[in-house]
Amino acid sequence: MTATRRLALAVLASGLLMTVLDGSIVTMAMPAIQRDIGFSATGLSWVVNAYLIAFGSLLLLTGRLGDLFGRNPRSRNVNETSAGPEKLSD
């Protein structure tokens, strides 16, 4: 495994850890939210839904930004074809 792949794996694993941790924090905070603000069970479901909508929309936005500004596939194809016949045999 190359260093670039290890770095990508570490970034993806830490992102997944933060997502799970963030969801756990919201779940653990629900009794305090209910007690401090006086929400009912229905109000707590609105809190969770609002959190999920915000999280999902930011996830879609950052995914689209990654598509727009990430690695350009056209430049990768140019690099592969300009490497010579020894590179094409892989």
N, C-alpha and C. Protein backbone atom coordinates (compact mmCIF):
# COMPACT_ATOMS: atom_id res chain seq x y z
N MET A 1 0.86 -1.17 0.00
CA MET A 1 0.00 0.00 0.00
C MET A 1 0.90 1.23 0.00
N THR A 2 0.62 2.15 -0.90
CA THR A 2 1.45 3.34 -1.01
C THR A 2 1.10 4.34 0.08
N ALA A 3 1.96 5.33 0.24
CA ALA A 3 1.74 6.35 1.27
C ALA A 3 0.49 7.17 0.98
N THR A 4 0.21 7.41 -0.29
CA THR A 4 -0.98 8.18 -0.65
C THR A 4 -2.25 7.43 -0.30
N ARG A 5 -2.25 6.14 -0.54
CA ARG A 5 -3.42 5.33 -0.20
C ARG A 5 -3.61 5.22 1.30
N ARG A 6 -2.51 5.12 2.03
CA ARG A 6 -2.61 5.08 3.49
C ARG A 6 -3.16 6.38 4.04
N LEU A 7 -2.72 7.49 3.47
CA LEU A 7 -3.23 8.79 3.90
C LEU A 7 -4.73 8.91 3.60
N ALA A 8 -5.12 8.47 2.40
CA ALA A 8 -6.55 8.51 2.04
C ALA A 8 -7.37 7.63 2.96
N LEU A 9 -6.86 6.46 3.30
CA LEU A 9 -7.56 5.56 4.22
C LEU A 9 -7.67 6.19 5.61
N ALA A 10 -6.62 6.83 6.07
CA ALA A 10 -6.65 7.49 7.38
C ALA A 10 -7.65 8.64 7.40
N VAL A 11 -7.71 9.41 6.33
CA VAL A 11 -8.66 10.52 6.26
C VAL A 11 -10.10 10.00 6.25
N LEU A 12 -10.36 8.97 5.45
CA LEU A 12 -11.71 8.40 5.40
C LEU A 12 -12.12 7.77 6.72
N ALA A 13 -11.19 7.06 7.37
CA ALA A 13 -11.51 6.44 8.65
C ALA A 13 -11.77 7.48 9.73
N SER A 14 -10.99 8.55 9.74
CA SER A 14 -11.23 9.60 10.74
C SER A 14 -12.52 10.34 10.46
N GLY A 15 -12.88 10.52 9.19
CA GLY A 15 -14.16 11.14 8.86
C GLY A 15 -15.33 10.30 9.31
N LEU A 16 -15.23 8.98 9.12
CA LEU A 16 -16.29 8.09 9.59
C LEU A 16 -16.39 8.10 11.11
N LEU A 17 -15.24 8.11 11.78
CA LEU A 17 -15.24 8.19 13.24
C LEU A 17 -15.92 9.46 13.73
N MET A 18 -15.63 10.58 13.09
CA MET A 18 -16.24 11.85 13.50
C MET A 18 -17.75 11.86 13.24
N THR A 19 -18.19 11.21 12.17
CA THR A 19 -19.62 11.14 11.88
C THR A 19 -20.35 10.34 12.96
N VAL A 20 -19.81 9.19 13.30
CA VAL A 20 -20.42 8.35 14.33
C VAL A 20 -20.38 9.05 15.68
N LEU A 21 -19.26 9.66 16.00
CA LEU A 21 -19.12 10.37 17.26
C LEU A 21 -20.08 11.54 17.35
N ASP A 22 -20.25 12.26 16.26
CA ASP A 22 -21.16 13.40 16.24
C ASP A 22 -22.60 12.96 16.44
N GLY A 23 -23.00 11.87 15.80
CA GLY A 23 -24.35 11.34 16.01
C GLY A 23 -24.56 10.87 17.43
N SER A 24 -23.53 10.29 18.03
CA SER A 24 -23.64 9.85 19.43
C SER A 24 -23.77 11.03 20.38
N ILE A 25 -23.07 12.11 20.09
CA ILE A 25 -23.15 13.30 20.94
C ILE A 25 -24.55 13.89 20.90
N VAL A 26 -25.14 13.96 19.70
CA VAL A 26 -26.51 14.49 19.60
C VAL A 26 -27.48 13.59 20.36
N THR A 27 -27.31 12.28 20.25
CA THR A 27 -28.19 11.35 20.95
C THR A 27 -28.03 11.47 22.46
N MET A 28 -26.80 11.61 22.93
CA MET A 28 -26.56 11.73 24.37
C MET A 28 -27.05 13.06 24.93
N ALA A 29 -27.11 14.09 24.09
CA ALA A 29 -27.54 15.40 24.56
C ALA A 29 -29.05 15.55 24.59
N MET A 30 -29.78 14.60 24.05
CA MET A 30 -31.24 14.74 23.97
C MET A 30 -31.92 14.87 25.33
N PRO A 31 -31.56 14.11 26.37
CA PRO A 31 -32.22 14.33 27.66
C PRO A 31 -31.95 15.73 28.24
N ALA A 32 -30.74 16.23 28.04
CA ALA A 32 -30.43 17.58 28.52
C ALA A 32 -31.21 18.63 27.74
N ILE A 33 -31.36 18.43 26.45
CA ILE A 33 -32.15 19.35 25.64
C ILE A 33 -33.60 19.33 26.09
N GLN A 34 -34.12 18.16 26.34
CA GLN A 34 -35.51 18.04 26.77
C GLN A 34 -35.71 18.69 28.14
N ARG A 35 -34.77 18.50 29.04
CA ARG A 35 -34.89 19.06 30.38
C ARG A 35 -34.70 20.58 30.39
N ASP A 36 -33.68 21.07 29.70
CA ASP A 36 -33.37 22.50 29.74
C ASP A 36 -34.36 23.35 28.95
N ILE A 37 -34.76 22.89 27.79
CA ILE A 37 -35.65 23.68 26.95
C ILE A 37 -37.10 23.32 27.17
N GLY A 38 -37.35 22.14 27.70
CA GLY A 38 -38.72 21.71 27.97
C GLY A 38 -39.42 21.13 26.75
N PHE A 39 -38.66 20.49 25.87
CA PHE A 39 -39.25 19.89 24.69
C PHE A 39 -39.98 18.60 25.05
N SER A 40 -40.99 18.31 24.26
CA SER A 40 -41.66 17.02 24.36
C SER A 40 -40.92 16.02 23.47
N ALA A 41 -41.42 14.80 23.42
CA ALA A 41 -40.80 13.79 22.55
C ALA A 41 -40.91 14.20 21.09
N THR A 42 -42.02 14.85 20.74
CA THR A 42 -42.19 15.33 19.37
C THR A 42 -41.19 16.43 19.05
N GLY A 43 -40.96 17.32 20.00
CA GLY A 43 -39.97 18.38 19.81
C GLY A 43 -38.56 17.84 19.65
N LEU A 44 -38.26 16.77 20.40
CA LEU A 44 -36.94 16.15 20.25
C LEU A 44 -36.76 15.52 18.87
N SER A 45 -37.81 14.97 18.32
CA SER A 45 -37.69 14.41 16.98
C SER A 45 -37.42 15.52 15.95
N TRP A 46 -37.97 16.71 16.19
CA TRP A 46 -37.67 17.84 15.32
C TRP A 46 -36.21 18.27 15.43
N VAL A 47 -35.66 18.18 16.62
CA VAL A 47 -34.24 18.52 16.81
C VAL A 47 -33.37 17.55 16.02
N VAL A 48 -33.67 16.27 16.12
CA VAL A 48 -32.89 15.27 15.39
C VAL A 48 -33.06 15.45 13.89
N ASN A 49 -34.27 15.70 13.43
CA ASN A 49 -34.51 15.89 12.00
C ASN A 49 -33.80 17.13 11.48
N ALA A 50 -33.81 18.21 12.23
CA ALA A 50 -33.12 19.42 11.81
C ALA A 50 -31.61 19.18 11.73
N TYR A 51 -31.08 18.44 12.69
CA TYR A 51 -29.66 18.10 12.66
C TYR A 51 -29.33 17.26 11.44
N LEU A 52 -30.15 16.25 11.15
CA LEU A 52 -29.88 15.37 10.01
C LEU A 52 -30.00 16.11 8.68
N ILE A 53 -30.94 17.02 8.58
CA ILE A 53 -31.08 17.80 7.34
C ILE A 53 -29.86 18.68 7.13
N ALA A 54 -29.41 19.35 8.19
CA ALA A 54 -28.23 20.20 8.08
C ALA A 54 -26.99 19.36 7.74
N PHE A 55 -26.84 18.24 8.41
CA PHE A 55 -25.69 17.37 8.16
C PHE A 55 -25.71 16.82 6.74
N GLY A 56 -26.85 16.35 6.30
CA GLY A 56 -26.96 15.79 4.95
C GLY A 56 -26.73 16.82 3.87
N SER A 57 -27.23 18.04 4.06
CA SER A 57 -27.01 19.07 3.04
C SER A 57 -25.55 19.48 2.98
N LEU A 58 -24.87 19.56 4.12
CA LEU A 58 -23.45 19.87 4.10
C LEU A 58 -22.65 18.72 3.48
N LEU A 59 -23.08 17.49 3.70
CA LEU A 59 -22.42 16.34 3.10
C LEU A 59 -22.55 16.39 1.57
N LEU A 60 -23.74 16.71 1.08
CA LEU A 60 -23.93 16.84 -0.36
C LEU A 60 -23.10 17.98 -0.94
N LEU A 61 -23.06 19.11 -0.24
CA LEU A 61 -22.30 20.26 -0.71
C LEU A 61 -20.80 19.95 -0.78
N THR A 62 -20.25 19.34 0.26
CA THR A 62 -18.82 19.05 0.24
C THR A 62 -18.49 17.96 -0.78
N GLY A 63 -19.40 17.02 -1.00
CA GLY A 63 -19.17 16.03 -2.05
C GLY A 63 -19.14 16.66 -3.43
N ARG A 64 -20.03 17.59 -3.66
CA ARG A 64 -20.05 18.29 -4.95
C ARG A 64 -18.80 19.15 -5.12
N LEU A 65 -18.37 19.82 -4.05
CA LEU A 65 -17.14 20.61 -4.13
C LEU A 65 -15.94 19.72 -4.41
N GLY A 66 -15.94 18.53 -3.82
CA GLY A 66 -14.86 17.59 -4.11
C GLY A 66 -14.87 17.16 -5.57
N ASP A 67 -16.06 16.99 -6.14
CA ASP A 67 -16.15 16.65 -7.56
C ASP A 67 -15.64 17.79 -8.44
N LEU A 68 -15.99 19.02 -8.06
CA LEU A 68 -15.60 20.17 -8.89
C LEU A 68 -14.12 20.50 -8.78
N PHE A 69 -13.57 20.46 -7.58
CA PHE A 69 -12.21 20.93 -7.37
C PHE A 69 -11.22 19.81 -7.08
N GLY A 70 -11.66 18.57 -7.13
CA GLY A 70 -10.78 17.44 -6.86
C GLY A 70 -9.88 17.14 -8.03
N ARG A 71 -9.36 15.94 -8.05
CA ARG A 71 -8.46 15.53 -9.13
C ARG A 71 -9.19 15.56 -10.45
N ASN A 72 -8.56 16.16 -11.43
CA ASN A 72 -9.17 16.31 -12.75
C ASN A 72 -8.89 15.04 -13.57
N PRO A 73 -9.93 14.29 -13.97
CA PRO A 73 -9.69 13.05 -14.70
C PRO A 73 -9.06 13.28 -16.08
N ARG A 74 -9.29 14.44 -16.68
CA ARG A 74 -8.70 14.69 -18.00
C ARG A 74 -7.19 14.81 -17.90
N SER A 75 -6.68 15.43 -16.84
CA SER A 75 -5.23 15.55 -16.70
C SER A 75 -4.61 14.18 -16.40
N ARG A 76 -5.32 13.31 -15.70
CA ARG A 76 -4.81 11.98 -15.43
C ARG A 76 -4.70 11.19 -16.73
N ASN A 77 -5.68 11.31 -17.62
CA ASN A 77 -5.63 10.61 -18.89
C ASN A 77 -4.49 11.12 -19.75
N VAL A 78 -4.24 12.40 -19.72
CA VAL A 78 -3.13 12.96 -20.48
C VAL A 78 -1.81 12.43 -19.95
N ASN A 79 -1.66 12.34 -18.64
CA ASN A 79 -0.43 11.83 -18.06
C ASN A 79 -0.22 10.36 -18.41
N GLU A 80 -1.26 9.58 -18.45
CA GLU A 80 -1.12 8.16 -18.78
C GLU A 80 -0.73 7.96 -20.23
N THR A 81 -1.27 8.76 -21.12
CA THR A 81 -0.94 8.58 -22.54
C THR A 81 0.41 9.17 -22.89
N SER A 82 0.90 10.14 -22.15
CA SER A 82 2.19 10.74 -22.46
C SER A 82 3.34 10.01 -21.79
N ALA A 83 3.06 8.96 -21.02
CA ALA A 83 4.13 8.26 -20.30
C ALA A 83 4.92 7.33 -21.20
N GLY A 84 4.35 6.92 -22.29
CA GLY A 84 5.05 6.03 -23.20
C GLY A 84 4.50 4.62 -23.15
N PRO A 85 4.95 3.76 -24.02
CA PRO A 85 4.41 2.39 -24.13
C PRO A 85 4.66 1.55 -22.87
N GLU A 86 5.75 1.81 -22.16
CA GLU A 86 6.01 1.00 -20.96
C GLU A 86 4.97 1.23 -19.89
N LYS A 87 4.41 2.42 -19.81
CA LYS A 87 3.37 2.72 -18.82
C LYS A 87 2.04 2.08 -19.24
N LEU A 88 1.76 2.02 -20.52
CA LEU A 88 0.50 1.47 -21.01
C LEU A 88 0.42 -0.04 -20.84
N SER A 89 1.53 -0.70 -20.65
CA SER A 89 1.50 -2.15 -20.53
C SER A 89 1.03 -2.61 -19.15
N ASP A 90 0.93 -1.72 -18.15
CA ASP A 90 0.51 -2.09 -16.79
C ASP A 90 -0.91 -2.47 -16.72
